[in-house]
């Protein structure tokens, strides 16, 4: 039971229900529950800046709930990372992004052609710049089949390329997560790195002339440790242009 000297409350008593949960990286969440006399809970919770048994666990929050008999239930939540922890994790995301249709590698030979020889109803301005695809093909237009065979249109027909301005290309995101248990976290994301061509750690895929661009990241304090995340995007076929990025 809680201790008293005369009528003065001395110290709360730890109650059952205390626990520590560690994830696969050692990032830990802990809960300690105490029984305290009424009016003592807030000061007691404020005094517990770190876990009583594991000093690397830092108080994150606390709650004080009055209960029957004039007592208060004090619940303190901690979080932290064991000081010896130094973990790197990498994850690859594969999706698609859009690119202008006239940048497709087969645009001139199979999709849109050129000002001199337009294909599939492609429209070009006087400078040879692609504008759009006509909604309807008319006699004399050249269309290309999925097998790459050209044929001349003999009568008006709907253009399957009508309205197309872009196409989907494979896109990759490389995620790097670093978890460290203590000390200064050197190498976090900053403005000098963000939006620049980078060489991510962790052996990300290398494909042809493609390279990686740092999109940004987050640095989060966890107890006395840190969790750092960086994200990189793979370029298109021709790579990110160095004079831009």
Foldseek 3Di string as FASTA:
>chain_A
DFDDDPNHTDDWDWDPDWDWDADPQQKIKTKTKTKAAAPCQVVVQVVPQADPVDRLWGWDDWDWDADPPRIIIIMTMTIAGPQAGKDKDKDKDKDKDKDFPCVPPCCCQANANWPVAGELQWDAPPVTHTDFHDQKDAFQHWYADPVGDIDTDHGIDGRPRHPDTIDIDMKMKMKMKIKHGADDDPDAWDPVQAQAFDDDPDDDDDDAQKGKHWHHWDWDDIRRIIMIMTMIMIDPNNYDDHVRD
